[in-house]
């Protein structure tokens, strides 16, 4: 376990937990992992938390929409 990394799994979108905003706004880098083409979760969270206005955060995403699960190899391009 690396203490420099964290994982947040959102189970409920509304009502939006405001504690999440304070956690995300101090992060250096965020990676949204989604199983859809358009990145609905990324857009909702960045808009709700105002992350697109925070220039200190690097936001990346990994999206799959081919019904296959995520594999370690999928994440290698993000970790470079």
PDB file of N, CA and C in Angstrom:
ATOM      1  N   UNK A   1       0.846  -1.187   0.000  1.00  0.00           N
ATOM      2  CA  UNK A   1       0.000   0.000   0.000  1.00  0.00           C
ATOM      3  C   UNK A   1       0.881   1.237   0.000  1.00  0.00           C
ATOM      4  N   UNK A   2       0.644   2.112  -0.926  1.00  0.00           N
ATOM      5  CA  UNK A   2       1.405   3.353  -1.032  1.00  0.00           C
ATOM      6  C   UNK A   2       0.585   4.494  -0.439  1.00  0.00           C
ATOM      7  N   UNK A   3       1.095   5.184   0.588  1.00  0.00           N
ATOM      8  CA  UNK A   3       0.320   6.271   1.200  1.00  0.00           C
ATOM      9  C   UNK A   3       0.183   7.497   0.314  1.00  0.00           C
ATOM     10  N   UNK A   4       0.896   7.530  -0.804  1.00  0.00           N
ATOM     11  CA  UNK A   4       0.794   8.670  -1.716  1.00  0.00           C
ATOM     12  C   UNK A   4      -0.386   8.551  -2.668  1.00  0.00           C
ATOM     13  N   UNK A   5      -1.036   7.407  -2.671  1.00  0.00           N
ATOM     14  CA  UNK A   5      -2.166   7.171  -3.548  1.00  0.00           C
ATOM     15  C   UNK A   5      -3.423   6.917  -2.729  1.00  0.00           C
ATOM     16  N   UNK A   6      -4.549   7.241  -3.288  1.00  0.00           N
ATOM     17  CA  UNK A   6      -5.814   6.980  -2.630  1.00  0.00           C
ATOM     18  C   UNK A   6      -6.847   6.562  -3.655  1.00  0.00           C
ATOM     19  N   UNK A   7      -7.895   5.971  -3.189  1.00  0.00           N
ATOM     20  CA  UNK A   7      -8.978   5.510  -4.052  1.00  0.00           C
ATOM     21  C   UNK A   7     -10.292   5.953  -3.444  1.00  0.00           C
ATOM     22  N   UNK A   8     -11.113   6.563  -4.251  1.00  0.00           N
ATOM     23  CA  UNK A   8     -12.446   6.973  -3.822  1.00  0.00           C
ATOM     24  C   UNK A   8     -13.452   6.327  -4.760  1.00  0.00           C
ATOM     25  N   UNK A   9     -14.391   5.598  -4.198  1.00  0.00           N
ATOM     26  CA  UNK A   9     -15.451   4.976  -4.976  1.00  0.00           C
ATOM     27  C   UNK A   9     -16.756   5.675  -4.611  1.00  0.00           C
ATOM     28  N   UNK A  10     -17.380   6.296  -5.591  1.00  0.00           N
ATOM     29  CA  UNK A  10     -18.637   6.998  -5.349  1.00  0.00           C
ATOM     30  C   UNK A  10     -19.796   6.038  -5.576  1.00  0.00           C
ATOM     31  N   UNK A  11     -20.612   5.887  -4.557  1.00  0.00           N
ATOM     32  CA  UNK A  11     -21.774   5.011  -4.663  1.00  0.00           C
ATOM     33  C   UNK A  11     -23.066   5.805  -4.799  1.00  0.00           C
ATOM     34  N   UNK A  12     -23.073   7.015  -4.246  1.00  0.00           N
ATOM     35  CA  UNK A  12     -24.259   7.862  -4.292  1.00  0.00           C
ATOM     36  C   UNK A  12     -23.863   9.225  -4.844  1.00  0.00           C
ATOM     37  N   UNK A  13     -24.553   9.669  -5.880  1.00  0.00           N
ATOM     38  CA  UNK A  13     -24.241  10.959  -6.494  1.00  0.00           C
ATOM     39  C   UNK A  13     -24.983  12.121  -5.830  1.00  0.00           C
ATOM     40  N   UNK A  14     -26.223  11.875  -5.496  1.00  0.00           N
ATOM     41  CA  UNK A  14     -27.027  12.935  -4.890  1.00  0.00           C
ATOM     42  C   UNK A  14     -27.724  12.393  -3.661  1.00  0.00           C
ATOM     43  N   UNK A  15     -27.663  13.073  -2.567  1.00  0.00           N
ATOM     44  CA  UNK A  15     -27.028  14.377  -2.376  1.00  0.00           C
ATOM     45  C   UNK A  15     -25.510  14.244  -2.390  1.00  0.00           C
ATOM     46  N   UNK A  16     -24.859  15.225  -2.979  1.00  0.00           N
ATOM     47  CA  UNK A  16     -23.404  15.215  -3.113  1.00  0.00           C
ATOM     48  C   UNK A  16     -22.770  15.530  -1.759  1.00  0.00           C
ATOM     49  N   UNK A  17     -21.849  14.706  -1.332  1.00  0.00           N
ATOM     50  CA  UNK A  17     -21.178  14.888  -0.043  1.00  0.00           C
ATOM     51  C   UNK A  17     -20.111  15.976  -0.182  1.00  0.00           C
ATOM     52  N   UNK A  18     -20.296  17.075   0.498  1.00  0.00           N
ATOM     53  CA  UNK A  18     -19.391  18.216   0.392  1.00  0.00           C
ATOM     54  C   UNK A  18     -17.995  17.916   0.942  1.00  0.00           C
ATOM     55  N   UNK A  19     -17.857  16.897   1.779  1.00  0.00           N
ATOM     56  CA  UNK A  19     -16.531  16.514   2.266  1.00  0.00           C
ATOM     57  C   UNK A  19     -15.636  16.069   1.119  1.00  0.00           C
ATOM     58  N   UNK A  20     -16.228  15.526   0.082  1.00  0.00           N
ATOM     59  CA  UNK A  20     -15.460  15.093  -1.075  1.00  0.00           C
ATOM     60  C   UNK A  20     -14.781  16.269  -1.760  1.00  0.00           C
ATOM     61  N   UNK A  21     -15.447  17.389  -1.819  1.00  0.00           N
ATOM     62  CA  UNK A  21     -14.877  18.579  -2.447  1.00  0.00           C
ATOM     63  C   UNK A  21     -13.609  19.017  -1.736  1.00  0.00           C
ATOM     64  N   UNK A  22     -13.609  19.026  -0.413  1.00  0.00           N
ATOM     65  CA  UNK A  22     -12.418  19.449   0.330  1.00  0.00           C
ATOM     66  C   UNK A  22     -11.268  18.453   0.156  1.00  0.00           C
ATOM     67  N   UNK A  23     -11.581  17.182   0.007  1.00  0.00           N
ATOM     68  CA  UNK A  23     -10.545  16.172  -0.209  1.00  0.00           C
ATOM     69  C   UNK A  23      -9.934  16.310  -1.598  1.00  0.00           C
ATOM     70  N   UNK A  24     -10.777  16.487  -2.608  1.00  0.00           N
ATOM     71  CA  UNK A  24     -10.284  16.546  -3.986  1.00  0.00           C
ATOM     72  C   UNK A  24      -9.527  17.829  -4.298  1.00  0.00           C
ATOM     73  N   UNK A  25      -9.879  18.926  -3.667  1.00  0.00           N
ATOM     74  CA  UNK A  25      -9.237  20.194  -3.967  1.00  0.00           C
ATOM     75  C   UNK A  25      -7.821  20.310  -3.425  1.00  0.00           C
ATOM     76  N   UNK A  26      -7.381  19.390  -2.576  1.00  0.00           N
ATOM     77  CA  UNK A  26      -5.995  19.411  -2.103  1.00  0.00           C
ATOM     78  C   UNK A  26      -5.135  18.367  -2.813  1.00  0.00           C
ATOM     79  N   UNK A  27      -5.722  17.588  -3.704  1.00  0.00           N
ATOM     80  CA  UNK A  27      -4.974  16.579  -4.441  1.00  0.00           C
ATOM     81  C   UNK A  27      -4.101  17.242  -5.499  1.00  0.00           C
ATOM     82  N   UNK A  28      -3.013  16.574  -5.856  1.00  0.00           N
ATOM     83  CA  UNK A  28      -2.135  17.072  -6.917  1.00  0.00           C
ATOM     84  C   UNK A  28      -2.557  16.539  -8.280  1.00  0.00           C
ATOM     85  N   UNK A  29      -3.068  15.322  -8.285  1.00  0.00           N
ATOM     86  CA  UNK A  29      -3.465  14.684  -9.539  1.00  0.00           C
ATOM     87  C   UNK A  29      -4.688  13.806  -9.282  1.00  0.00           C
ATOM     88  N   UNK A  30      -5.639  13.862 -10.198  1.00  0.00           N
ATOM     89  CA  UNK A  30      -6.835  13.029 -10.123  1.00  0.00           C
ATOM     90  C   UNK A  30      -6.950  12.223 -11.406  1.00  0.00           C
ATOM     91  N   UNK A  31      -7.304  10.971 -11.261  1.00  0.00           N
ATOM     92  CA  UNK A  31      -7.543  10.109 -12.415  1.00  0.00           C
ATOM     93  C   UNK A  31      -8.948   9.545 -12.273  1.00  0.00           C
ATOM     94  N   UNK A  32      -9.802   9.882 -13.210  1.00  0.00           N
ATOM     95  CA  UNK A  32     -11.172   9.373 -13.215  1.00  0.00           C
ATOM     96  C   UNK A  32     -11.207   8.111 -14.066  1.00  0.00           C
ATOM     97  N   UNK A  33     -11.659   7.016 -13.479  1.00  0.00           N
ATOM     98  CA  UNK A  33     -11.763   5.734 -14.175  1.00  0.00           C
ATOM     99  C   UNK A  33     -13.241   5.452 -14.354  1.00  0.00           C
ATOM    100  N   UNK A  34     -13.664   5.384 -15.620  1.00  0.00           N
ATOM    101  CA  UNK A  34     -15.094   5.219 -15.915  1.00  0.00           C
ATOM    102  C   UNK A  34     -15.320   4.187 -17.002  1.00  0.00           C
ATOM    103  N   UNK A  35     -16.480   3.578 -16.941  1.00  0.00           N
ATOM    104  CA  UNK A  35     -16.899   2.625 -17.963  1.00  0.00           C
ATOM    105  C   UNK A  35     -17.962   3.263 -18.845  1.00  0.00           C
ATOM    106  N   UNK A  36     -17.627   4.392 -19.438  1.00  0.00           N
ATOM    107  CA  UNK A  36     -18.506   5.011 -20.422  1.00  0.00           C
ATOM    108  C   UNK A  36     -17.686   5.907 -21.342  1.00  0.00           C
ATOM    109  N   UNK A  37     -18.263   6.302 -22.435  1.00  0.00           N
ATOM    110  CA  UNK A  37     -17.560   7.055 -23.467  1.00  0.00           C
ATOM    111  C   UNK A  37     -17.420   8.535 -23.135  1.00  0.00           C
ATOM    112  N   UNK A  38     -18.438   9.124 -22.543  1.00  0.00           N
ATOM    113  CA  UNK A  38     -18.481  10.578 -22.418  1.00  0.00           C
ATOM    114  C   UNK A  38     -17.882  11.138 -21.135  1.00  0.00           C
ATOM    115  N   UNK A  39     -17.558  10.331 -20.153  1.00  0.00           N
ATOM    116  CA  UNK A  39     -16.975  10.829 -18.921  1.00  0.00           C
ATOM    117  C   UNK A  39     -17.959  11.587 -18.045  1.00  0.00           C
ATOM    118  N   UNK A  40     -19.112  11.013 -17.849  1.00  0.00           N
ATOM    119  CA  UNK A  40     -20.172  11.666 -17.084  1.00  0.00           C
ATOM    120  C   UNK A  40     -19.762  11.931 -15.639  1.00  0.00           C
ATOM    121  N   UNK A  41     -19.102  10.982 -15.006  1.00  0.00           N
ATOM    122  CA  UNK A  41     -18.688  11.157 -13.612  1.00  0.00           C
ATOM    123  C   UNK A  41     -17.654  12.276 -13.495  1.00  0.00           C
ATOM    124  N   UNK A  42     -16.682  12.278 -14.383  1.00  0.00           N
ATOM    125  CA  UNK A  42     -15.659  13.322 -14.360  1.00  0.00           C
ATOM    126  C   UNK A  42     -16.276  14.703 -14.506  1.00  0.00           C
ATOM    127  N   UNK A  43     -17.177  14.866 -15.435  1.00  0.00           N
ATOM    128  CA  UNK A  43     -17.810  16.165 -15.645  1.00  0.00           C
ATOM    129  C   UNK A  43     -18.629  16.576 -14.434  1.00  0.00           C
ATOM    130  N   UNK A  44     -19.398  15.663 -13.869  1.00  0.00           N
ATOM    131  CA  UNK A  44     -20.239  15.985 -12.717  1.00  0.00           C
ATOM    132  C   UNK A  44     -19.389  16.397 -11.512  1.00  0.00           C
ATOM    133  N   UNK A  45     -18.363  15.616 -11.206  1.00  0.00           N
ATOM    134  CA  UNK A  45     -17.538  15.901 -10.027  1.00  0.00           C
ATOM    135  C   UNK A  45     -16.719  17.172 -10.220  1.00  0.00           C
ATOM    136  N   UNK A  46     -16.120  17.368 -11.388  1.00  0.00           N
ATOM    137  CA  UNK A  46     -15.319  18.579 -11.599  1.00  0.00           C
ATOM    138  C   UNK A  46     -16.189  19.830 -11.584  1.00  0.00           C
ATOM    139  N   UNK A  47     -17.385  19.745 -12.116  1.00  0.00           N
ATOM    140  CA  UNK A  47     -18.288  20.899 -12.074  1.00  0.00           C
ATOM    141  C   UNK A  47     -18.779  21.178 -10.656  1.00  0.00           C
ATOM    142  N   UNK A  48     -19.157  20.126  -9.946  1.00  0.00           N
ATOM    143  CA  UNK A  48     -19.696  20.295  -8.594  1.00  0.00           C
ATOM    144  C   UNK A  48     -18.640  20.804  -7.614  1.00  0.00           C
ATOM    145  N   UNK A  49     -17.412  20.312  -7.743  1.00  0.00           N
ATOM    146  CA  UNK A  49     -16.341  20.693  -6.814  1.00  0.00           C
ATOM    147  C   UNK A  49     -15.541  21.901  -7.290  1.00  0.00           C
ATOM    148  N   UNK A  50     -15.788  22.363  -8.507  1.00  0.00           N
ATOM    149  CA  UNK A  50     -15.041  23.499  -9.038  1.00  0.00           C
ATOM    150  C   UNK A  50     -13.595  23.157  -9.351  1.00  0.00           C
ATOM    151  N   UNK A  51     -13.320  21.919  -9.703  1.00  0.00           N
ATOM    152  CA  UNK A  51     -11.953  21.478  -9.941  1.00  0.00           C
ATOM    153  C   UNK A  51     -11.347  22.059 -11.210  1.00  0.00           C
ATOM    154  N   UNK A  52     -12.175  22.404 -12.183  1.00  0.00           N
ATOM    155  CA  UNK A  52     -11.619  22.919 -13.430  1.00  0.00           C
ATOM    156  C   UNK A  52     -11.022  24.316 -13.251  1.00  0.00           C
ATOM    157  N   UNK A  53     -11.330  24.973 -12.131  1.00  0.00           N
ATOM    158  CA  UNK A  53     -10.767  26.292 -11.857  1.00  0.00           C
ATOM    159  C   UNK A  53      -9.516  26.212 -10.989  1.00  0.00           C
ATOM    160  N   UNK A  54      -9.204  25.047 -10.478  1.00  0.00           N
ATOM    161  CA  UNK A  54      -8.025  24.850  -9.641  1.00  0.00           C
ATOM    162  C   UNK A  54      -6.865  24.440 -10.549  1.00  0.00           C
ATOM    163  N   UNK A  55      -5.957  25.348 -10.806  1.00  0.00           N
ATOM    164  CA  UNK A  55      -4.856  25.104 -11.751  1.00  0.00           C
ATOM    165  C   UNK A  55      -3.754  24.231 -11.165  1.00  0.00           C
ATOM    166  N   UNK A  56      -3.804  23.931  -9.870  1.00  0.00           N
ATOM    167  CA  UNK A  56      -2.778  23.107  -9.233  1.00  0.00           C
ATOM    168  C   UNK A  56      -3.056  21.619  -9.353  1.00  0.00           C
ATOM    169  N   UNK A  57      -4.218  21.263  -9.865  1.00  0.00           N
ATOM    170  CA  UNK A  57      -4.611  19.851  -9.985  1.00  0.00           C
ATOM    171  C   UNK A  57      -4.506  19.413 -11.444  1.00  0.00           C
ATOM    172  N   UNK A  58      -3.852  18.275 -11.648  1.00  0.00           N
ATOM    173  CA  UNK A  58      -3.808  17.648 -12.964  1.00  0.00           C
ATOM    174  C   UNK A  58      -4.920  16.609 -13.013  1.00  0.00           C
ATOM    175  N   UNK A  59      -5.804  16.743 -13.983  1.00  0.00           N
ATOM    176  CA  UNK A  59      -6.931  15.813 -14.102  1.00  0.00           C
ATOM    177  C   UNK A  59      -6.731  14.952 -15.344  1.00  0.00           C
ATOM    178  N   UNK A  60      -6.736  13.643 -15.138  1.00  0.00           N
ATOM    179  CA  UNK A  60      -6.622  12.680 -16.231  1.00  0.00           C
ATOM    180  C   UNK A  60      -7.826  11.748 -16.154  1.00  0.00           C
ATOM    181  N   UNK A  61      -8.007  10.980 -17.207  1.00  0.00           N
ATOM    182  CA  UNK A  61      -9.100  10.011 -17.180  1.00  0.00           C
ATOM    183  C   UNK A  61      -8.718   8.752 -17.941  1.00  0.00           C
ATOM    184  N   UNK A  62      -9.391   7.689 -17.579  1.00  0.00           N
ATOM    185  CA  UNK A  62      -9.276   6.415 -18.270  1.00  0.00           C
ATOM    186  C   UNK A  62     -10.694   5.914 -18.467  1.00  0.00           C
ATOM    187  N   UNK A  63     -11.078   5.776 -19.714  1.00  0.00           N
ATOM    188  CA  UNK A  63     -12.448   5.361 -20.031  1.00  0.00           C
ATOM    189  C   UNK A  63     -12.419   4.112 -20.897  1.00  0.00           C
ATOM    190  N   UNK A  64     -13.281   3.182 -20.576  1.00  0.00           N
ATOM    191  CA  UNK A  64     -13.470   1.988 -21.409  1.00  0.00           C
ATOM    192  C   UNK A  64     -14.956   1.846 -21.663  1.00  0.00           C
ATOM    193  N   UNK A  65     -15.281   1.492 -22.861  1.00  0.00           N
ATOM    194  CA  UNK A  65     -16.689   1.335 -23.213  1.00  0.00           C
ATOM    195  C   UNK A  65     -16.858   0.159 -24.162  1.00  0.00           C
ATOM    196  N   UNK A  66     -15.982  -0.832 -24.002  1.00  0.00           N
ATOM    197  CA  UNK A  66     -16.037  -2.003 -24.870  1.00  0.00           C
ATOM    198  C   UNK A  66     -16.472  -3.270 -24.116  1.00  0.00           C
ATOM    199  N   UNK A  67     -16.999  -3.111 -22.908  1.00  0.00           N
ATOM    200  CA  UNK A  67     -17.508  -4.182 -22.061  1.00  0.00           C
ATOM    201  C   UNK A  67     -16.432  -5.097 -21.488  1.00  0.00           C
ATOM    202  N   UNK A  68     -15.154  -4.782 -21.713  1.00  0.00           N
ATOM    203  CA  UNK A  68     -14.075  -5.537 -21.110  1.00  0.00           C
ATOM    204  C   UNK A  68     -13.662  -4.871 -19.801  1.00  0.00           C
ATOM    205  N   UNK A  69     -13.179  -5.643 -18.840  1.00  0.00           N
ATOM    206  CA  UNK A  69     -12.749  -5.046 -17.566  1.00  0.00           C
ATOM    207  C   UNK A  69     -11.441  -4.279 -17.730  1.00  0.00           C
ATOM    208  N   UNK A  70     -11.120  -3.486 -16.729  1.00  0.00           N
ATOM    209  CA  UNK A  70      -9.842  -2.787 -16.722  1.00  0.00           C
ATOM    210  C   UNK A  70      -8.740  -3.765 -16.326  1.00  0.00           C
ATOM    211  N   UNK A  71      -7.598  -3.624 -16.976  1.00  0.00           N
ATOM    212  CA  UNK A  71      -6.429  -4.430 -16.672  1.00  0.00           C
ATOM    213  C   UNK A  71      -5.286  -3.504 -16.277  1.00  0.00           C
ATOM    214  N   UNK A  72      -4.272  -4.045 -15.655  1.00  0.00           N
ATOM    215  CA  UNK A  72      -3.126  -3.256 -15.225  1.00  0.00           C
ATOM    216  C   UNK A  72      -2.483  -2.531 -16.400  1.00  0.00           C
ATOM    217  N   UNK A  73      -2.462  -3.170 -17.533  1.00  0.00           N
ATOM    218  CA  UNK A  73      -1.861  -2.563 -18.720  1.00  0.00           C
ATOM    219  C   UNK A  73      -2.591  -1.289 -19.148  1.00  0.00           C
ATOM    220  N   UNK A  74      -3.872  -1.193 -18.834  1.00  0.00           N
ATOM    221  CA  UNK A  74      -4.641   0.009 -19.173  1.00  0.00           C
ATOM    222  C   UNK A  74      -4.139   1.225 -18.409  1.00  0.00           C
ATOM    223  N   UNK A  75      -3.616   1.026 -17.221  1.00  0.00           N
ATOM    224  CA  UNK A  75      -3.173   2.112 -16.376  1.00  0.00           C
ATOM    225  C   UNK A  75      -1.723   2.533 -16.624  1.00  0.00           C
ATOM    226  N   UNK A  76      -0.970   1.722 -17.325  1.00  0.00           N
ATOM    227  CA  UNK A  76       0.456   2.011 -17.529  1.00  0.00           C
ATOM    228  C   UNK A  76       0.686   3.322 -18.261  1.00  0.00           C
ATOM    229  N   UNK A  77      -0.164   3.668 -19.212  1.00  0.00           N
ATOM    230  CA  UNK A  77       0.015   4.921 -19.947  1.00  0.00           C
ATOM    231  C   UNK A  77      -0.236   6.138 -19.049  1.00  0.00           C
ATOM    232  N   UNK A  78      -1.071   5.994 -18.030  1.00  0.00           N
ATOM    233  CA  UNK A  78      -1.365   7.108 -17.115  1.00  0.00           C
ATOM    234  C   UNK A  78      -0.250   7.315 -16.088  1.00  0.00           C
ATOM    235  N   UNK A  79       0.480   6.277 -15.788  1.00  0.00           N
ATOM    236  CA  UNK A  79       1.483   6.343 -14.728  1.00  0.00           C
ATOM    237  C   UNK A  79       2.835   6.822 -15.222  1.00  0.00           C
ATOM    238  N   UNK A  80       2.989   7.075 -16.485  1.00  0.00           N
ATOM    239  CA  UNK A  80       4.278   7.521 -17.027  1.00  0.00           C
ATOM    240  C   UNK A  80       4.436   9.011 -16.905  1.00  0.00           C
TER     241      UNK A  80
END
